[in-house]
């Protein structure tokens, strides 16, 4: 691996537009290439962001010897096939959440990555936000005792449009894979993998989930109450309850700047930790540093956590009557 980590972007969509801007504040990393199924779209993206090379197929960027790691931001059902092909090509990966469309797809990617010893990480930027890092440190220091429960919500109001990716079953639409992944990952980060998953919600006419409320249960009585929606806006806040206090993660919790610690009779303590750049820089820094150190997994966003989250999302979706599938390679 070179001292400078060279990145390729796969899928120049809305999220990639934001992520690539943060390379400006990441030392030792540079975006050099972009691939899309549309060469014109790739060329336009490359021109606007100063990338050296643009490709009209994913296979071309996989074959580029001057790309060390790929950031995959295509629709969810395409992630698994692209990731497997990239691992076969020896490319490290940062894969947008949700990691895949199904649990089986995630297992296949993770198994191959571990077999080939290729670095792969889910792009769950929340875990790398400085305020969330502070949250974990405060909890580890015992400030609120034992964590017993988590509440979190994330929702937006979107006008139903069957042509939009968010509402397309074939493109992995629905609230759970796009927004629910945040609340589930946040709870799993603090409580671990649940023993039971219960979900209620509704679906859009295209069959994807419009909204969902999840109750994650643990054998020792701990729990998480989570909400997500594309039907209506939600505050985007989270609260972590412990035996000796609680912590509020101020909206929007998936990229917060401020947490507020409440314990005993003490005055609430406000802790503010701003992001670097647009906030995507922190996950880019993690991948870059892991690659420079020769690691194959992130300790902050390990693959076991990704698999656990993907399984919860699938259980919830199936309880709502939604059955996702991975797209074929191509």
C-alpha atoms as a PDB file:
ATOM      1  CA  UNK A   1       0.000   0.000   0.000  1.00  0.00           C
ATOM      2  CA  UNK A   2       1.337   3.414  -0.955  1.00  0.00           C
ATOM      3  CA  UNK A   3       1.859   6.163   1.625  1.00  0.00           C
ATOM      4  CA  UNK A   4      -0.897   8.104  -0.119  1.00  0.00           C
ATOM      5  CA  UNK A   5      -4.127   6.132  -0.275  1.00  0.00           C
ATOM      6  CA  UNK A   6      -5.756   6.553  -3.685  1.00  0.00           C
ATOM      7  CA  UNK A   7      -9.540   6.336  -3.795  1.00  0.00           C
ATOM      8  CA  UNK A   8     -12.044   5.521  -6.494  1.00  0.00           C
ATOM      9  CA  UNK A   9     -15.738   6.414  -6.327  1.00  0.00           C
ATOM     10  CA  UNK A  10     -18.302   3.885  -7.566  1.00  0.00           C
ATOM     11  CA  UNK A  11     -21.706   5.472  -8.095  1.00  0.00           C
ATOM     12  CA  UNK A  12     -21.484   9.284  -8.397  1.00  0.00           C
ATOM     13  CA  UNK A  13     -24.864  10.058  -6.802  1.00  0.00           C
ATOM     14  CA  UNK A  14     -26.099  12.490  -4.172  1.00  0.00           C
ATOM     15  CA  UNK A  15     -24.152  11.083  -1.247  1.00  0.00           C
ATOM     16  CA  UNK A  16     -20.919  10.696  -3.228  1.00  0.00           C
ATOM     17  CA  UNK A  17     -21.116  14.393  -4.139  1.00  0.00           C
ATOM     18  CA  UNK A  18     -20.859  15.249  -0.436  1.00  0.00           C
ATOM     19  CA  UNK A  19     -18.364  12.600   0.599  1.00  0.00           C
ATOM     20  CA  UNK A  20     -15.777  13.397  -2.074  1.00  0.00           C
ATOM     21  CA  UNK A  21     -15.606  17.040  -0.965  1.00  0.00           C
ATOM     22  CA  UNK A  22     -14.210  15.943   2.406  1.00  0.00           C
ATOM     23  CA  UNK A  23     -11.037  14.520   0.890  1.00  0.00           C
ATOM     24  CA  UNK A  24      -9.810  18.124   1.052  1.00  0.00           C
ATOM     25  CA  UNK A  25      -9.400  17.753   4.832  1.00  0.00           C
ATOM     26  CA  UNK A  26      -8.084  14.159   4.940  1.00  0.00           C
ATOM     27  CA  UNK A  27      -4.316  13.764   5.102  1.00  0.00           C
ATOM     28  CA  UNK A  28      -2.753  10.953   3.103  1.00  0.00           C
ATOM     29  CA  UNK A  29      -5.788  10.306   0.902  1.00  0.00           C
ATOM     30  CA  UNK A  30      -6.873  11.479  -2.536  1.00  0.00           C
ATOM     31  CA  UNK A  31      -9.809  10.669  -4.796  1.00  0.00           C
ATOM     32  CA  UNK A  32      -8.398   9.895  -8.244  1.00  0.00           C
ATOM     33  CA  UNK A  33     -11.121   8.063 -10.192  1.00  0.00           C
ATOM     34  CA  UNK A  34     -14.873   7.643 -10.571  1.00  0.00           C
ATOM     35  CA  UNK A  35     -16.966   4.944 -12.213  1.00  0.00           C
ATOM     36  CA  UNK A  36     -20.572   4.989 -13.337  1.00  0.00           C
ATOM     37  CA  UNK A  37     -22.689   3.011 -15.766  1.00  0.00           C
ATOM     38  CA  UNK A  38     -22.945   6.323 -17.600  1.00  0.00           C
ATOM     39  CA  UNK A  39     -19.604   7.609 -18.895  1.00  0.00           C
ATOM     40  CA  UNK A  40     -21.038  11.103 -19.319  1.00  0.00           C
ATOM     41  CA  UNK A  41     -22.109  11.140 -15.684  1.00  0.00           C
ATOM     42  CA  UNK A  42     -18.692   9.925 -14.572  1.00  0.00           C
ATOM     43  CA  UNK A  43     -16.927  12.553 -16.682  1.00  0.00           C
ATOM     44  CA  UNK A  44     -19.128  15.311 -15.289  1.00  0.00           C
ATOM     45  CA  UNK A  45     -18.442  14.184 -11.698  1.00  0.00           C
ATOM     46  CA  UNK A  46     -14.697  13.957 -12.342  1.00  0.00           C
ATOM     47  CA  UNK A  47     -14.590  17.418 -13.906  1.00  0.00           C
ATOM     48  CA  UNK A  48     -16.453  19.045 -11.024  1.00  0.00           C
ATOM     49  CA  UNK A  49     -14.361  17.382  -8.315  1.00  0.00           C
ATOM     50  CA  UNK A  50     -10.926  17.379  -9.961  1.00  0.00           C
ATOM     51  CA  UNK A  51     -10.601  13.614 -10.385  1.00  0.00           C
ATOM     52  CA  UNK A  52      -8.051  12.362 -12.884  1.00  0.00           C
ATOM     53  CA  UNK A  53      -9.952   9.463 -14.456  1.00  0.00           C
ATOM     54  CA  UNK A  54     -13.556   8.609 -15.241  1.00  0.00           C
ATOM     55  CA  UNK A  55     -14.946   5.238 -16.302  1.00  0.00           C
ATOM     56  CA  UNK A  56     -18.203   4.171 -17.922  1.00  0.00           C
ATOM     57  CA  UNK A  57     -18.204   0.775 -16.220  1.00  0.00           C
ATOM     58  CA  UNK A  58     -17.419  -0.587 -12.779  1.00  0.00           C
ATOM     59  CA  UNK A  59     -15.094  -3.221 -14.243  1.00  0.00           C
ATOM     60  CA  UNK A  60     -12.730  -0.521 -15.495  1.00  0.00           C
ATOM     61  CA  UNK A  61     -12.141   1.022 -12.076  1.00  0.00           C
ATOM     62  CA  UNK A  62     -11.652  -2.451 -10.586  1.00  0.00           C
ATOM     63  CA  UNK A  63      -8.867  -2.975 -13.118  1.00  0.00           C
ATOM     64  CA  UNK A  64      -7.175   0.362 -12.390  1.00  0.00           C
ATOM     65  CA  UNK A  65      -3.848  -0.450 -10.685  1.00  0.00           C
ATOM     66  CA  UNK A  66      -3.592   3.081  -9.307  1.00  0.00           C
ATOM     67  CA  UNK A  67      -6.730   2.784  -7.150  1.00  0.00           C
ATOM     68  CA  UNK A  68      -6.215   1.318  -3.664  1.00  0.00           C
ATOM     69  CA  UNK A  69      -9.719   1.582  -2.201  1.00  0.00           C
ATOM     70  CA  UNK A  70     -13.225   2.033  -3.555  1.00  0.00           C
ATOM     71  CA  UNK A  71     -16.049   4.024  -2.017  1.00  0.00           C
ATOM     72  CA  UNK A  72     -19.271   2.296  -3.142  1.00  0.00           C
ATOM     73  CA  UNK A  73     -22.371   4.502  -3.238  1.00  0.00           C
ATOM     74  CA  UNK A  74     -24.666   2.720  -5.683  1.00  0.00           C
ATOM     75  CA  UNK A  75     -28.217   1.647  -4.684  1.00  0.00           C
ATOM     76  CA  UNK A  76     -28.212  -0.957  -1.884  1.00  0.00           C
ATOM     77  CA  UNK A  77     -28.979  -4.083  -3.970  1.00  0.00           C
ATOM     78  CA  UNK A  78     -25.888  -3.457  -6.131  1.00  0.00           C
ATOM     79  CA  UNK A  79     -23.455  -3.314  -3.201  1.00  0.00           C
ATOM     80  CA  UNK A  80     -22.913  -7.043  -2.738  1.00  0.00           C
ATOM     81  CA  UNK A  81     -21.986  -7.877  -6.331  1.00  0.00           C
ATOM     82  CA  UNK A  82     -19.724  -4.831  -6.682  1.00  0.00           C
ATOM     83  CA  UNK A  83     -18.064  -5.540  -3.341  1.00  0.00           C
ATOM     84  CA  UNK A  84     -17.360  -9.172  -4.176  1.00  0.00           C
ATOM     85  CA  UNK A  85     -15.851  -8.217  -7.523  1.00  0.00           C
ATOM     86  CA  UNK A  86     -13.734  -5.532  -5.860  1.00  0.00           C
ATOM     87  CA  UNK A  87     -12.455  -7.948  -3.216  1.00  0.00           C
ATOM     88  CA  UNK A  88     -11.549 -10.428  -5.954  1.00  0.00           C
ATOM     89  CA  UNK A  89      -9.596  -7.586  -7.575  1.00  0.00           C
ATOM     90  CA  UNK A  90      -7.813  -6.856  -4.300  1.00  0.00           C
ATOM     91  CA  UNK A  91      -9.438  -3.462  -3.753  1.00  0.00           C
ATOM     92  CA  UNK A  92     -10.178  -2.281  -0.221  1.00  0.00           C
ATOM     93  CA  UNK A  93     -13.724  -1.051   0.302  1.00  0.00           C
ATOM     94  CA  UNK A  94     -15.834   1.547   2.066  1.00  0.00           C
ATOM     95  CA  UNK A  95     -19.439   0.536   1.346  1.00  0.00           C
ATOM     96  CA  UNK A  96     -22.342   2.896   1.962  1.00  0.00           C
ATOM     97  CA  UNK A  97     -25.016   1.878   4.408  1.00  0.00           C
ATOM     98  CA  UNK A  98     -27.085  -0.107   4.313  1.00  0.00           C
ATOM     99  CA  UNK A  99     -24.151  -2.407   3.575  1.00  0.00           C
ATOM    100  CA  UNK A 100     -26.225  -4.715   1.371  1.00  0.00           C
ATOM    101  CA  UNK A 101     -29.906  -5.383   0.694  1.00  0.00           C
ATOM    102  CA  UNK A 102     -29.973  -8.713   2.534  1.00  0.00           C
ATOM    103  CA  UNK A 103     -28.255 -10.558   5.362  1.00  0.00           C
ATOM    104  CA  UNK A 104     -27.101 -13.266   2.969  1.00  0.00           C
ATOM    105  CA  UNK A 105     -25.504 -10.641   0.737  1.00  0.00           C
ATOM    106  CA  UNK A 106     -23.642  -9.147   3.692  1.00  0.00           C
ATOM    107  CA  UNK A 107     -22.413 -12.552   4.860  1.00  0.00           C
ATOM    108  CA  UNK A 108     -21.116 -13.375   1.376  1.00  0.00           C
ATOM    109  CA  UNK A 109     -19.142 -10.111   1.201  1.00  0.00           C
ATOM    110  CA  UNK A 110     -17.735 -10.424   4.709  1.00  0.00           C
ATOM    111  CA  UNK A 111     -16.767 -14.075   4.279  1.00  0.00           C
ATOM    112  CA  UNK A 112     -14.890 -13.279   1.064  1.00  0.00           C
ATOM    113  CA  UNK A 113     -13.187 -10.235   2.588  1.00  0.00           C
ATOM    114  CA  UNK A 114     -11.968 -12.272   5.526  1.00  0.00           C
ATOM    115  CA  UNK A 115     -10.837 -15.123   3.278  1.00  0.00           C
ATOM    116  CA  UNK A 116      -8.865 -12.765   1.039  1.00  0.00           C
ATOM    117  CA  UNK A 117      -7.775 -10.512   3.926  1.00  0.00           C
ATOM    118  CA  UNK A 118      -9.032  -7.407   2.147  1.00  0.00           C
ATOM    119  CA  UNK A 119     -10.129  -4.380   4.165  1.00  0.00           C
ATOM    120  CA  UNK A 120     -13.871  -3.718   4.080  1.00  0.00           C
ATOM    121  CA  UNK A 121     -15.919  -1.291   6.193  1.00  0.00           C
ATOM    122  CA  UNK A 122     -19.490  -0.057   6.209  1.00  0.00           C
ATOM    123  CA  UNK A 123     -19.718   3.722   5.782  1.00  0.00           C
ATOM    124  CA  UNK A 124     -21.603   4.347   9.026  1.00  0.00           C
ATOM    125  CA  UNK A 125     -20.307   7.876   9.543  1.00  0.00           C
ATOM    126  CA  UNK A 126     -22.237   8.224  12.829  1.00  0.00           C
ATOM    127  CA  UNK A 127     -19.778   6.060  14.738  1.00  0.00           C
ATOM    128  CA  UNK A 128     -16.895   8.354  13.792  1.00  0.00           C
ATOM    129  CA  UNK A 129     -18.524  11.695  14.609  1.00  0.00           C
ATOM    130  CA  UNK A 130     -16.507  13.430  17.366  1.00  0.00           C
ATOM    131  CA  UNK A 131     -19.630  13.904  19.509  1.00  0.00           C
ATOM    132  CA  UNK A 132     -20.434  10.182  19.260  1.00  0.00           C
ATOM    133  CA  UNK A 133     -16.820   9.333  20.115  1.00  0.00           C
ATOM    134  CA  UNK A 134     -17.273  11.539  23.197  1.00  0.00           C
ATOM    135  CA  UNK A 135     -20.539   9.732  23.999  1.00  0.00           C
ATOM    136  CA  UNK A 136     -18.803   6.371  24.009  1.00  0.00           C
ATOM    137  CA  UNK A 137     -15.972   7.725  26.154  1.00  0.00           C
ATOM    138  CA  UNK A 138     -18.396   9.167  28.716  1.00  0.00           C
ATOM    139  CA  UNK A 139     -20.266   5.859  28.886  1.00  0.00           C
ATOM    140  CA  UNK A 140     -17.017   3.873  29.170  1.00  0.00           C
ATOM    141  CA  UNK A 141     -16.026   6.117  32.101  1.00  0.00           C
ATOM    142  CA  UNK A 142     -19.199   5.030  33.902  1.00  0.00           C
ATOM    143  CA  UNK A 143     -20.862   8.434  33.889  1.00  0.00           C
ATOM    144  CA  UNK A 144     -24.381   6.987  33.573  1.00  0.00           C
ATOM    145  CA  UNK A 145     -23.708   3.540  35.004  1.00  0.00           C
ATOM    146  CA  UNK A 146     -24.830   0.521  32.999  1.00  0.00           C
ATOM    147  CA  UNK A 147     -26.640   1.321  29.760  1.00  0.00           C
ATOM    148  CA  UNK A 148     -30.096  -0.260  29.939  1.00  0.00           C
ATOM    149  CA  UNK A 149     -32.049   1.309  27.111  1.00  0.00           C
ATOM    150  CA  UNK A 150     -31.731   3.372  23.940  1.00  0.00           C
ATOM    151  CA  UNK A 151     -34.313   5.461  22.125  1.00  0.00           C
ATOM    152  CA  UNK A 152     -33.692   6.916  18.661  1.00  0.00           C
ATOM    153  CA  UNK A 153     -35.715   8.199  15.728  1.00  0.00           C
ATOM    154  CA  UNK A 154     -34.946   9.356  12.224  1.00  0.00           C
ATOM    155  CA  UNK A 155     -37.530  10.260   9.622  1.00  0.00           C
ATOM    156  CA  UNK A 156     -38.208  12.594   6.719  1.00  0.00           C
ATOM    157  CA  UNK A 157     -41.359  13.427   4.811  1.00  0.00           C
ATOM    158  CA  UNK A 158     -41.062  12.447   1.171  1.00  0.00           C
ATOM    159  CA  UNK A 159     -43.773  12.770  -1.439  1.00  0.00           C
ATOM    160  CA  UNK A 160     -44.465   9.322  -2.843  1.00  0.00           C
ATOM    161  CA  UNK A 161     -42.919   8.955  -6.295  1.00  0.00           C
ATOM    162  CA  UNK A 162     -42.747   5.418  -7.695  1.00  0.00           C
ATOM    163  CA  UNK A 163     -39.951   6.519 -10.047  1.00  0.00           C
ATOM    164  CA  UNK A 164     -37.700   7.630  -7.173  1.00  0.00           C
ATOM    165  CA  UNK A 165     -35.104   5.179  -5.831  1.00  0.00           C
ATOM    166  CA  UNK A 166     -36.437   5.636  -2.289  1.00  0.00           C
ATOM    167  CA  UNK A 167     -39.758   4.057  -3.259  1.00  0.00           C
ATOM    168  CA  UNK A 168     -38.461   1.386  -5.634  1.00  0.00           C
ATOM    169  CA  UNK A 169     -38.403  -2.199  -4.404  1.00  0.00           C
ATOM    170  CA  UNK A 170     -35.891  -3.201  -7.069  1.00  0.00           C
ATOM    171  CA  UNK A 171     -33.502  -0.438  -5.970  1.00  0.00           C
ATOM    172  CA  UNK A 172     -33.740  -1.288  -2.274  1.00  0.00           C
ATOM    173  CA  UNK A 173     -36.032   1.570  -1.322  1.00  0.00           C
ATOM    174  CA  UNK A 174     -37.898   2.026   1.930  1.00  0.00           C
ATOM    175  CA  UNK A 175     -37.313   3.659   5.276  1.00  0.00           C
ATOM    176  CA  UNK A 176     -35.419   0.809   6.913  1.00  0.00           C
ATOM    177  CA  UNK A 177     -32.452   0.499   4.537  1.00  0.00           C
ATOM    178  CA  UNK A 178     -32.071   4.253   4.047  1.00  0.00           C
ATOM    179  CA  UNK A 179     -32.786   5.677   7.510  1.00  0.00           C
ATOM    180  CA  UNK A 180     -33.550   2.774   9.832  1.00  0.00           C
ATOM    181  CA  UNK A 181     -29.974   1.591   9.459  1.00  0.00           C
ATOM    182  CA  UNK A 182     -28.897   4.616  11.528  1.00  0.00           C
ATOM    183  CA  UNK A 183     -31.153   3.950  14.507  1.00  0.00           C
ATOM    184  CA  UNK A 184     -30.408   0.219  14.480  1.00  0.00           C
ATOM    185  CA  UNK A 185     -26.651   0.727  14.214  1.00  0.00           C
ATOM    186  CA  UNK A 186     -26.717   3.310  17.014  1.00  0.00           C
ATOM    187  CA  UNK A 187     -28.553   0.919  19.335  1.00  0.00           C
ATOM    188  CA  UNK A 188     -26.340  -2.026  18.379  1.00  0.00           C
ATOM    189  CA  UNK A 189     -23.224   0.058  19.037  1.00  0.00           C
ATOM    190  CA  UNK A 190     -24.318   0.646  22.646  1.00  0.00           C
ATOM    191  CA  UNK A 191     -26.281  -2.489  23.533  1.00  0.00           C
ATOM    192  CA  UNK A 192     -24.860  -5.181  21.291  1.00  0.00           C
ATOM    193  CA  UNK A 193     -26.834  -7.601  19.151  1.00  0.00           C
ATOM    194  CA  UNK A 194     -30.468  -8.055  20.277  1.00  0.00           C
ATOM    195  CA  UNK A 195     -32.096 -11.383  21.076  1.00  0.00           C
ATOM    196  CA  UNK A 196     -35.490 -10.367  19.696  1.00  0.00           C
ATOM    197  CA  UNK A 197     -36.728  -7.940  17.049  1.00  0.00           C
ATOM    198  CA  UNK A 198     -40.341  -6.754  16.855  1.00  0.00           C
ATOM    199  CA  UNK A 199     -41.503  -4.351  14.138  1.00  0.00           C
ATOM    200  CA  UNK A 200     -44.733  -2.621  13.182  1.00  0.00           C
ATOM    201  CA  UNK A 201     -45.222  -0.175  10.328  1.00  0.00           C
ATOM    202  CA  UNK A 202     -46.728   0.417   6.920  1.00  0.00           C
ATOM    203  CA  UNK A 203     -45.809   0.147   3.239  1.00  0.00           C
ATOM    204  CA  UNK A 204     -46.039   2.344   0.161  1.00  0.00           C
ATOM    205  CA  UNK A 205     -47.981   1.133  -2.915  1.00  0.00           C
ATOM    206  CA  UNK A 206     -44.693  -0.101  -4.436  1.00  0.00           C
ATOM    207  CA  UNK A 207     -44.335  -2.521  -1.513  1.00  0.00           C
ATOM    208  CA  UNK A 208     -41.407  -0.907   0.301  1.00  0.00           C
ATOM    209  CA  UNK A 209     -41.677   0.112   3.944  1.00  0.00           C
ATOM    210  CA  UNK A 210     -42.946   3.635   4.557  1.00  0.00           C
ATOM    211  CA  UNK A 211     -42.402   3.683   8.319  1.00  0.00           C
ATOM    212  CA  UNK A 212     -41.362   1.321  11.064  1.00  0.00           C
ATOM    213  CA  UNK A 213     -41.205   1.180  14.847  1.00  0.00           C
ATOM    214  CA  UNK A 214     -38.809  -1.391  16.237  1.00  0.00           C
ATOM    215  CA  UNK A 215     -38.445  -2.869  19.707  1.00  0.00           C
ATOM    216  CA  UNK A 216     -35.140  -4.645  20.195  1.00  0.00           C
ATOM    217  CA  UNK A 217     -35.106  -6.957  23.194  1.00  0.00           C
ATOM    218  CA  UNK A 218     -32.254  -8.454  25.184  1.00  0.00           C
ATOM    219  CA  UNK A 219     -32.348 -11.524  27.416  1.00  0.00           C
ATOM    220  CA  UNK A 220     -31.286  -9.503  30.462  1.00  0.00           C
ATOM    221  CA  UNK A 221     -34.131  -6.987  30.071  1.00  0.00           C
ATOM    222  CA  UNK A 222     -32.330  -4.242  28.180  1.00  0.00           C
ATOM    223  CA  UNK A 223     -34.147  -2.737  25.203  1.00  0.00           C
ATOM    224  CA  UNK A 224     -34.115  -0.262  22.349  1.00  0.00           C
ATOM    225  CA  UNK A 225     -37.163   1.614  21.021  1.00  0.00           C
ATOM    226  CA  UNK A 226     -36.503   2.882  17.509  1.00  0.00           C
ATOM    227  CA  UNK A 227     -38.516   4.726  14.856  1.00  0.00           C
ATOM    228  CA  UNK A 228     -37.889   5.499  11.207  1.00  0.00           C
ATOM    229  CA  UNK A 229     -40.053   6.959   8.461  1.00  0.00           C
ATOM    230  CA  UNK A 230     -40.238   8.264   4.920  1.00  0.00           C
ATOM    231  CA  UNK A 231     -43.871   9.212   5.525  1.00  0.00           C
ATOM    232  CA  UNK A 232     -43.330  11.916   8.130  1.00  0.00           C
ATOM    233  CA  UNK A 233     -40.526  13.976   9.624  1.00  0.00           C
ATOM    234  CA  UNK A 234     -39.128  12.932  13.001  1.00  0.00           C
ATOM    235  CA  UNK A 235     -36.894  14.955  15.355  1.00  0.00           C
ATOM    236  CA  UNK A 236     -33.787  12.862  14.744  1.00  0.00           C
ATOM    237  CA  UNK A 237     -32.842  12.618  18.376  1.00  0.00           C
ATOM    238  CA  UNK A 238     -31.496   9.860  20.589  1.00  0.00           C
ATOM    239  CA  UNK A 239     -31.415   9.197  24.313  1.00  0.00           C
ATOM    240  CA  UNK A 240     -29.254   6.692  26.144  1.00  0.00           C
ATOM    241  CA  UNK A 241     -30.519   5.554  29.548  1.00  0.00           C
ATOM    242  CA  UNK A 242     -28.216   4.199  32.230  1.00  0.00           C
ATOM    243  CA  UNK A 243     -28.629   3.079  35.813  1.00  0.00           C
ATOM    244  CA  UNK A 244     -27.179   6.382  37.064  1.00  0.00           C
ATOM    245  CA  UNK A 245     -28.320   8.912  34.472  1.00  0.00           C
ATOM    246  CA  UNK A 246     -28.943   9.487  30.788  1.00  0.00           C
ATOM    247  CA  UNK A 247     -27.426  11.211  27.774  1.00  0.00           C
ATOM    248  CA  UNK A 248     -29.315  13.172  25.153  1.00  0.00           C
ATOM    249  CA  UNK A 249     -27.836  13.192  21.660  1.00  0.00           C
ATOM    250  CA  UNK A 250     -29.172  16.367  20.131  1.00  0.00           C
ATOM    251  CA  UNK A 251     -30.664  16.328  16.622  1.00  0.00           C
ATOM    252  CA  UNK A 252     -29.767  15.093  14.311  1.00  0.00           C
ATOM    253  CA  UNK A 253     -28.250  12.255  16.231  1.00  0.00           C
ATOM    254  CA  UNK A 254     -26.687  10.503  13.224  1.00  0.00           C
ATOM    255  CA  UNK A 255     -24.242  13.405  12.769  1.00  0.00           C
ATOM    256  CA  UNK A 256     -24.501  15.372  16.020  1.00  0.00           C
ATOM    257  CA  UNK A 257     -22.322  18.099  17.386  1.00  0.00           C
ATOM    258  CA  UNK A 258     -23.654  18.093  20.947  1.00  0.00           C
ATOM    259  CA  UNK A 259     -24.545  15.614  23.673  1.00  0.00           C
ATOM    260  CA  UNK A 260     -25.973  16.503  27.085  1.00  0.00           C
ATOM    261  CA  UNK A 261     -25.090  14.406  30.133  1.00  0.00           C
ATOM    262  CA  UNK A 262     -27.646  14.129  32.949  1.00  0.00           C
ATOM    263  CA  UNK A 263     -26.709  12.374  36.185  1.00  0.00           C
ATOM    264  CA  UNK A 264     -28.037  12.538  39.717  1.00  0.00           C
ATOM    265  CA  UNK A 265     -28.722  16.008  41.033  1.00  0.00           C
ATOM    266  CA  UNK A 266     -25.891  17.555  39.024  1.00  0.00           C
ATOM    267  CA  UNK A 267     -26.552  20.256  36.476  1.00  0.00           C
ATOM    268  CA  UNK A 268     -26.733  18.928  32.914  1.00  0.00           C
ATOM    269  CA  UNK A 269     -23.313  18.889  31.252  1.00  0.00           C
ATOM    270  CA  UNK A 270     -23.177  19.922  27.606  1.00  0.00           C
ATOM    271  CA  UNK A 271     -20.383  18.473  25.488  1.00  0.00           C
ATOM    272  CA  UNK A 272     -19.871  19.856  21.982  1.00  0.00           C
ATOM    273  CA  UNK A 273     -17.529  18.324  19.427  1.00  0.00           C
ATOM    274  CA  UNK A 274     -17.780  19.811  15.899  1.00  0.00           C
ATOM    275  CA  UNK A 275     -17.094  17.731  12.809  1.00  0.00           C
ATOM    276  CA  UNK A 276     -14.157  18.201  10.493  1.00  0.00           C
ATOM    277  CA  UNK A 277     -15.317  19.292   7.060  1.00  0.00           C
ATOM    278  CA  UNK A 278     -18.772  17.977   6.246  1.00  0.00           C
ATOM    279  CA  UNK A 279     -18.452  15.149   8.758  1.00  0.00           C
ATOM    280  CA  UNK A 280     -17.664  12.424   6.226  1.00  0.00           C
ATOM    281  CA  UNK A 281     -13.963  13.068   6.757  1.00  0.00           C
ATOM    282  CA  UNK A 282     -13.866  10.982   9.924  1.00  0.00           C
ATOM    283  CA  UNK A 283     -14.798   7.694   8.235  1.00  0.00           C
ATOM    284  CA  UNK A 284     -12.395   8.506   5.385  1.00  0.00           C
ATOM    285  CA  UNK A 285      -9.642   9.076   7.936  1.00  0.00           C
ATOM    286  CA  UNK A 286     -10.439   5.756   9.627  1.00  0.00           C
ATOM    287  CA  UNK A 287     -10.188   3.795   6.370  1.00  0.00           C
ATOM    288  CA  UNK A 288      -7.035   5.622   5.288  1.00  0.00           C
ATOM    289  CA  UNK A 289      -5.299   5.000   8.617  1.00  0.00           C
ATOM    290  CA  UNK A 290      -6.397   1.360   8.704  1.00  0.00           C
ATOM    291  CA  UNK A 291      -4.962   0.779   5.240  1.00  0.00           C
ATOM    292  CA  UNK A 292      -1.719   2.538   6.079  1.00  0.00           C
ATOM    293  CA  UNK A 293      -1.411   0.304   9.164  1.00  0.00           C
ATOM    294  CA  UNK A 294      -2.222  -2.877   7.220  1.00  0.00           C
ATOM    295  CA  UNK A 295      -5.476  -3.642   9.056  1.00  0.00           C
ATOM    296  CA  UNK A 296      -8.291  -5.610   7.416  1.00  0.00           C
ATOM    297  CA  UNK A 297     -11.093  -4.339   9.671  1.00  0.00           C
ATOM    298  CA  UNK A 298     -12.014  -1.236  11.639  1.00  0.00           C
ATOM    299  CA  UNK A 299     -12.242  -1.601  15.408  1.00  0.00           C
ATOM    300  CA  UNK A 300     -14.865   1.167  15.487  1.00  0.00           C
ATOM    301  CA  UNK A 301     -17.106  -0.288  12.738  1.00  0.00           C
ATOM    302  CA  UNK A 302     -16.220  -3.990  12.741  1.00  0.00           C
ATOM    303  CA  UNK A 303     -17.750  -6.350  10.219  1.00  0.00           C
ATOM    304  CA  UNK A 304     -19.478  -8.343  12.972  1.00  0.00           C
ATOM    305  CA  UNK A 305     -21.497  -5.241  13.854  1.00  0.00           C
ATOM    306  CA  UNK A 306     -22.410  -4.703  10.201  1.00  0.00           C
ATOM    307  CA  UNK A 307     -23.684  -8.276   9.985  1.00  0.00           C
ATOM    308  CA  UNK A 308     -25.708  -7.867  13.182  1.00  0.00           C
ATOM    309  CA  UNK A 309     -27.316  -4.641  11.965  1.00  0.00           C
ATOM    310  CA  UNK A 310     -28.110  -6.127   8.569  1.00  0.00           C
ATOM    311  CA  UNK A 311     -29.835  -9.062  10.245  1.00  0.00           C
ATOM    312  CA  UNK A 312     -31.995  -6.778  12.408  1.00  0.00           C
ATOM    313  CA  UNK A 313     -32.990  -4.732   9.356  1.00  0.00           C
ATOM    314  CA  UNK A 314     -33.967  -7.870   7.463  1.00  0.00           C
ATOM    315  CA  UNK A 315     -35.997  -9.256  10.355  1.00  0.00           C
ATOM    316  CA  UNK A 316     -37.858  -5.944  10.666  1.00  0.00           C
ATOM    317  CA  UNK A 317     -38.473  -5.654   6.927  1.00  0.00           C
ATOM    318  CA  UNK A 318     -39.787  -9.189   6.672  1.00  0.00           C
ATOM    319  CA  UNK A 319     -42.166  -8.608   9.584  1.00  0.00           C
ATOM    320  CA  UNK A 320     -43.573  -5.720   7.526  1.00  0.00           C
ATOM    321  CA  UNK A 321     -43.896  -7.948   4.470  1.00  0.00           C
ATOM    322  CA  UNK A 322     -40.889  -6.515   2.632  1.00  0.00           C
ATOM    323  CA  UNK A 323     -38.437  -8.990   1.096  1.00  0.00           C
ATOM    324  CA  UNK A 324     -35.350  -7.435  -0.490  1.00  0.00           C
ATOM    325  CA  UNK A 325     -33.035  -9.122  -2.960  1.00  0.00           C
ATOM    326  CA  UNK A 326     -29.494  -8.522  -4.196  1.00  0.00           C
ATOM    327  CA  UNK A 327     -28.986  -7.398  -7.786  1.00  0.00           C
ATOM    328  CA  UNK A 328     -27.043  -9.616 -10.159  1.00  0.00           C
ATOM    329  CA  UNK A 329     -23.521  -8.658 -11.130  1.00  0.00           C
ATOM    330  CA  UNK A 330     -23.122  -6.390 -14.123  1.00  0.00           C
END
